[in-house]
Every structure is written in structure tokens, then in C-alpha cells.
């Protein structure tokens, strides 16, 4: 297994960071690396719920994705099993801090060789996801 771990302190309470995951409209605004957009086909944000989406790359390519939410603890933790294409488990842990929320982002690939082959994509993409999550969680509502 190959695991990629990163973290970010976001200047927002855990409930706001969690809400950026739980609300499909908000999640669609930030999910994916820089320049990507997404179309959600199914979003069942409950343990065992399916999440089916298409990521649209800045190059015009479409990337279908299918995942299952395997664990959800409000304002604390979300675990997603990505079952299409590259198989991995993404665990996002939220820890309240005086200045906001520490987000721990851990992506574990089942096949180590596959994980290593995409390291050059995954590591910057995870940082870009956290950049976009930070903007969404600290966004002032319209």
C-alpha cells in the first residue's frame, strides 16, 4: 500500500469545513485539482452511500469517478473508498484548533506500484484540493 498524507490548517470551524463536504453544491465548487470542474450524478452522503461524478479537466477530458462513503462522523471524519480506476481510500480528519480546523488528508492506494506511478499527480493535486477547500470553507455567503 502507498499512502500520501498532507495537512492544512483552515481558518474556519470544523462544522464549516465539514459542510463544504456534506453539501453537494458546495462540494462541486471545490472538489478536484486546480482547473477541474465536476458534475455529480449521484451523491448519497451517508455511510454506505454512493458518490458518482465526472471530473472535467481543463484539457477538455472527462474522468468518471465512483466512490462509496464508508464512514462519516459529523464535523470530525469522512472516509471515501474510490472504486473506479485507481482504487484508494481517502480519509479526511477534522481537528478543531483555536485558529480553525486542522485537516488531515490521507490517501492510501491499494496497489503500491500504481500509487507510486501517480505520485507526481496525486501529491500536487491533493494540495490543490486543500487550497480549494480552504477557499470554500472560508467563503462569505452571497
C-alpha atoms as a PDB file:
ATOM      1  CA  UNK A   1       0.000   0.000   0.000  1.00  0.00           C
ATOM      2  CA  UNK A   2       1.218   3.528  -0.836  1.00  0.00           C
ATOM      3  CA  UNK A   3      -0.128   6.365   1.280  1.00  0.00           C
ATOM      4  CA  UNK A   4       0.019  10.091   0.601  1.00  0.00           C
ATOM      5  CA  UNK A   5      -0.532  12.340   3.609  1.00  0.00           C
ATOM      6  CA  UNK A   6      -0.845  16.081   3.855  1.00  0.00           C
ATOM      7  CA  UNK A   7      -2.500  18.534   6.191  1.00  0.00           C
ATOM      8  CA  UNK A   8      -3.712  22.101   6.282  1.00  0.00           C
ATOM      9  CA  UNK A   9      -4.976  24.418   8.982  1.00  0.00           C
ATOM     10  CA  UNK A  10      -8.070  26.163   7.677  1.00  0.00           C
ATOM     11  CA  UNK A  11      -9.229  29.341   9.452  1.00  0.00           C
ATOM     12  CA  UNK A  12     -12.812  28.112   9.829  1.00  0.00           C
ATOM     13  CA  UNK A  13     -14.617  25.955  12.395  1.00  0.00           C
ATOM     14  CA  UNK A  14     -14.842  22.206  11.756  1.00  0.00           C
ATOM     15  CA  UNK A  15     -18.593  22.491  11.137  1.00  0.00           C
ATOM     16  CA  UNK A  16     -17.883  24.812   8.156  1.00  0.00           C
ATOM     17  CA  UNK A  17     -15.189  22.537   6.731  1.00  0.00           C
ATOM     18  CA  UNK A  18     -17.499  19.531   7.138  1.00  0.00           C
ATOM     19  CA  UNK A  19     -20.359  21.451   5.499  1.00  0.00           C
ATOM     20  CA  UNK A  20     -18.152  22.023   2.447  1.00  0.00           C
ATOM     21  CA  UNK A  21     -18.127  18.228   2.047  1.00  0.00           C
ATOM     22  CA  UNK A  22     -21.729  17.496   3.039  1.00  0.00           C
ATOM     23  CA  UNK A  23     -23.466  19.978   0.723  1.00  0.00           C
ATOM     24  CA  UNK A  24     -23.212  18.732  -2.882  1.00  0.00           C
ATOM     25  CA  UNK A  25     -23.414  22.249  -4.331  1.00  0.00           C
ATOM     26  CA  UNK A  26     -20.522  23.390  -2.165  1.00  0.00           C
ATOM     27  CA  UNK A  27     -18.521  20.218  -2.771  1.00  0.00           C
ATOM     28  CA  UNK A  28     -18.951  20.572  -6.539  1.00  0.00           C
ATOM     29  CA  UNK A  29     -17.437  24.076  -6.329  1.00  0.00           C
ATOM     30  CA  UNK A  30     -14.125  22.875  -4.898  1.00  0.00           C
ATOM     31  CA  UNK A  31     -13.644  19.133  -5.470  1.00  0.00           C
ATOM     32  CA  UNK A  32     -10.741  18.251  -7.731  1.00  0.00           C
ATOM     33  CA  UNK A  33      -7.379  19.728  -8.664  1.00  0.00           C
ATOM     34  CA  UNK A  34      -6.982  23.317  -9.880  1.00  0.00           C
ATOM     35  CA  UNK A  35      -8.802  23.964 -13.155  1.00  0.00           C
ATOM     36  CA  UNK A  36     -11.181  20.989 -12.802  1.00  0.00           C
ATOM     37  CA  UNK A  37     -14.956  21.168 -12.554  1.00  0.00           C
ATOM     38  CA  UNK A  38     -17.341  18.366 -11.721  1.00  0.00           C
ATOM     39  CA  UNK A  39     -20.795  17.075 -12.478  1.00  0.00           C
ATOM     40  CA  UNK A  40     -22.435  14.962  -9.776  1.00  0.00           C
ATOM     41  CA  UNK A  41     -24.683  12.147 -10.965  1.00  0.00           C
ATOM     42  CA  UNK A  42     -25.365  10.663  -7.534  1.00  0.00           C
ATOM     43  CA  UNK A  43     -24.454  11.912  -4.068  1.00  0.00           C
ATOM     44  CA  UNK A  44     -25.661   9.924  -1.068  1.00  0.00           C
ATOM     45  CA  UNK A  45     -23.750  11.462   1.855  1.00  0.00           C
ATOM     46  CA  UNK A  46     -24.385   8.683   4.380  1.00  0.00           C
ATOM     47  CA  UNK A  47     -22.221   5.723   5.421  1.00  0.00           C
ATOM     48  CA  UNK A  48     -22.542   3.205   2.587  1.00  0.00           C
ATOM     49  CA  UNK A  49     -23.803   5.919   0.221  1.00  0.00           C
ATOM     50  CA  UNK A  50     -22.600   6.145  -3.353  1.00  0.00           C
ATOM     51  CA  UNK A  51     -20.961   9.137  -4.976  1.00  0.00           C
ATOM     52  CA  UNK A  52     -20.830   9.120  -8.765  1.00  0.00           C
ATOM     53  CA  UNK A  53     -19.338  12.096 -10.561  1.00  0.00           C
ATOM     54  CA  UNK A  54     -17.464  13.167 -13.638  1.00  0.00           C
ATOM     55  CA  UNK A  55     -14.424  15.376 -13.247  1.00  0.00           C
ATOM     56  CA  UNK A  56     -13.923  17.680 -16.223  1.00  0.00           C
ATOM     57  CA  UNK A  57     -10.278  18.539 -16.812  1.00  0.00           C
ATOM     58  CA  UNK A  58      -9.004  21.862 -18.080  1.00  0.00           C
ATOM     59  CA  UNK A  59      -7.834  19.950 -21.175  1.00  0.00           C
ATOM     60  CA  UNK A  60     -11.452  19.026 -22.014  1.00  0.00           C
ATOM     61  CA  UNK A  61     -11.098  15.391 -20.921  1.00  0.00           C
ATOM     62  CA  UNK A  62     -13.718  13.762 -18.700  1.00  0.00           C
ATOM     63  CA  UNK A  63     -12.801  11.477 -15.819  1.00  0.00           C
ATOM     64  CA  UNK A  64     -15.651   9.312 -14.467  1.00  0.00           C
ATOM     65  CA  UNK A  65     -15.394   8.504 -10.749  1.00  0.00           C
ATOM     66  CA  UNK A  66     -17.337   6.165  -8.484  1.00  0.00           C
ATOM     67  CA  UNK A  67     -16.885   6.076  -4.735  1.00  0.00           C
ATOM     68  CA  UNK A  68     -18.601   4.952  -1.540  1.00  0.00           C
ATOM     69  CA  UNK A  69     -18.710   6.877   1.724  1.00  0.00           C
ATOM     70  CA  UNK A  70     -17.590   4.203   4.173  1.00  0.00           C
ATOM     71  CA  UNK A  71     -17.617   6.358   7.322  1.00  0.00           C
ATOM     72  CA  UNK A  72     -18.964   9.784   8.190  1.00  0.00           C
ATOM     73  CA  UNK A  73     -18.688  11.438  11.597  1.00  0.00           C
ATOM     74  CA  UNK A  74     -20.170  14.929  11.534  1.00  0.00           C
ATOM     75  CA  UNK A  75     -17.547  17.645  11.963  1.00  0.00           C
ATOM     76  CA  UNK A  76     -14.822  15.010  12.574  1.00  0.00           C
ATOM     77  CA  UNK A  77     -14.125  12.469   9.828  1.00  0.00           C
ATOM     78  CA  UNK A  78     -15.050  11.330   6.318  1.00  0.00           C
ATOM     79  CA  UNK A  79     -13.782   8.123   4.724  1.00  0.00           C
ATOM     80  CA  UNK A  80     -14.263   7.567   0.995  1.00  0.00           C
ATOM     81  CA  UNK A  81     -13.488   4.355  -0.900  1.00  0.00           C
ATOM     82  CA  UNK A  82     -12.681   5.194  -4.535  1.00  0.00           C
ATOM     83  CA  UNK A  83     -13.568   2.107  -6.527  1.00  0.00           C
ATOM     84  CA  UNK A  84     -13.301   3.145 -10.171  1.00  0.00           C
ATOM     85  CA  UNK A  85      -9.946   3.356 -11.919  1.00  0.00           C
ATOM     86  CA  UNK A  86      -7.327   3.747  -9.197  1.00  0.00           C
ATOM     87  CA  UNK A  87      -8.507   2.066  -6.015  1.00  0.00           C
ATOM     88  CA  UNK A  88      -7.754   4.009  -2.866  1.00  0.00           C
ATOM     89  CA  UNK A  89      -9.207   5.040   0.448  1.00  0.00           C
ATOM     90  CA  UNK A  90      -9.305   8.726   1.312  1.00  0.00           C
ATOM     91  CA  UNK A  91      -9.591   9.602   4.992  1.00  0.00           C
ATOM     92  CA  UNK A  92     -10.204  13.229   5.906  1.00  0.00           C
ATOM     93  CA  UNK A  93      -9.960  14.007   9.617  1.00  0.00           C
ATOM     94  CA  UNK A  94     -11.004  17.360  11.076  1.00  0.00           C
ATOM     95  CA  UNK A  95      -9.483  18.562  14.340  1.00  0.00           C
ATOM     96  CA  UNK A  96     -10.684  21.784  15.975  1.00  0.00           C
ATOM     97  CA  UNK A  97      -7.893  24.242  16.749  1.00  0.00           C
ATOM     98  CA  UNK A  98      -8.042  27.689  18.364  1.00  0.00           C
ATOM     99  CA  UNK A  99      -7.492  29.356  14.972  1.00  0.00           C
ATOM    100  CA  UNK A 100      -9.715  26.998  12.954  1.00  0.00           C
ATOM    101  CA  UNK A 101      -9.542  23.385  11.844  1.00  0.00           C
ATOM    102  CA  UNK A 102      -6.607  21.134  11.143  1.00  0.00           C
ATOM    103  CA  UNK A 103      -7.489  18.989   8.121  1.00  0.00           C
ATOM    104  CA  UNK A 104      -5.574  15.718   7.813  1.00  0.00           C
ATOM    105  CA  UNK A 105      -5.823  14.271   4.289  1.00  0.00           C
ATOM    106  CA  UNK A 106      -4.638  10.683   3.856  1.00  0.00           C
ATOM    107  CA  UNK A 107      -4.968   8.834   0.561  1.00  0.00           C
ATOM    108  CA  UNK A 108      -3.990   5.146   0.630  1.00  0.00           C
ATOM    109  CA  UNK A 109      -3.640   3.279  -2.675  1.00  0.00           C
ATOM    110  CA  UNK A 110      -4.252  -0.480  -2.559  1.00  0.00           C
ATOM    111  CA  UNK A 111      -1.641  -1.190  -5.232  1.00  0.00           C
ATOM    112  CA  UNK A 112       1.701   0.323  -4.205  1.00  0.00           C
ATOM    113  CA  UNK A 113       3.102   0.307  -7.732  1.00  0.00           C
ATOM    114  CA  UNK A 114       0.023   2.140  -9.004  1.00  0.00           C
ATOM    115  CA  UNK A 115       0.303   4.674  -6.199  1.00  0.00           C
ATOM    116  CA  UNK A 116       3.954   5.320  -6.972  1.00  0.00           C
ATOM    117  CA  UNK A 117       3.162   5.672 -10.681  1.00  0.00           C
ATOM    118  CA  UNK A 118       0.714   8.512  -9.971  1.00  0.00           C
ATOM    119  CA  UNK A 119       2.678  10.168  -7.130  1.00  0.00           C
ATOM    120  CA  UNK A 120       3.656  13.078  -9.416  1.00  0.00           C
ATOM    121  CA  UNK A 121      -0.052  13.791  -9.996  1.00  0.00           C
ATOM    122  CA  UNK A 122      -1.506  12.941  -6.587  1.00  0.00           C
ATOM    123  CA  UNK A 123       0.780  14.995  -4.353  1.00  0.00           C
ATOM    124  CA  UNK A 124       0.189  18.370  -6.073  1.00  0.00           C
ATOM    125  CA  UNK A 125      -3.486  17.513  -6.727  1.00  0.00           C
ATOM    126  CA  UNK A 126      -4.088  16.885  -3.013  1.00  0.00           C
ATOM    127  CA  UNK A 127      -2.538  20.262  -2.160  1.00  0.00           C
ATOM    128  CA  UNK A 128      -4.716  21.908  -4.811  1.00  0.00           C
ATOM    129  CA  UNK A 129      -7.800  20.209  -3.336  1.00  0.00           C
ATOM    130  CA  UNK A 130      -6.911  21.639   0.065  1.00  0.00           C
ATOM    131  CA  UNK A 131      -6.376  25.094  -1.472  1.00  0.00           C
ATOM    132  CA  UNK A 132      -9.843  24.921  -2.983  1.00  0.00           C
ATOM    133  CA  UNK A 133     -11.399  23.523   0.218  1.00  0.00           C
ATOM    134  CA  UNK A 134      -9.853  26.402   2.182  1.00  0.00           C
ATOM    135  CA  UNK A 135     -11.416  28.951  -0.164  1.00  0.00           C
ATOM    136  CA  UNK A 136     -14.812  27.231   0.059  1.00  0.00           C
ATOM    137  CA  UNK A 137     -14.802  26.785   3.854  1.00  0.00           C
ATOM    138  CA  UNK A 138     -13.885  30.449   4.395  1.00  0.00           C
ATOM    139  CA  UNK A 139     -16.176  31.779   1.657  1.00  0.00           C
ATOM    140  CA  UNK A 140     -18.525  34.542   2.608  1.00  0.00           C
ATOM    141  CA  UNK A 141     -22.065  33.557   1.516  1.00  0.00           C
ATOM    142  CA  UNK A 142     -23.631  35.621  -1.286  1.00  0.00           C
END
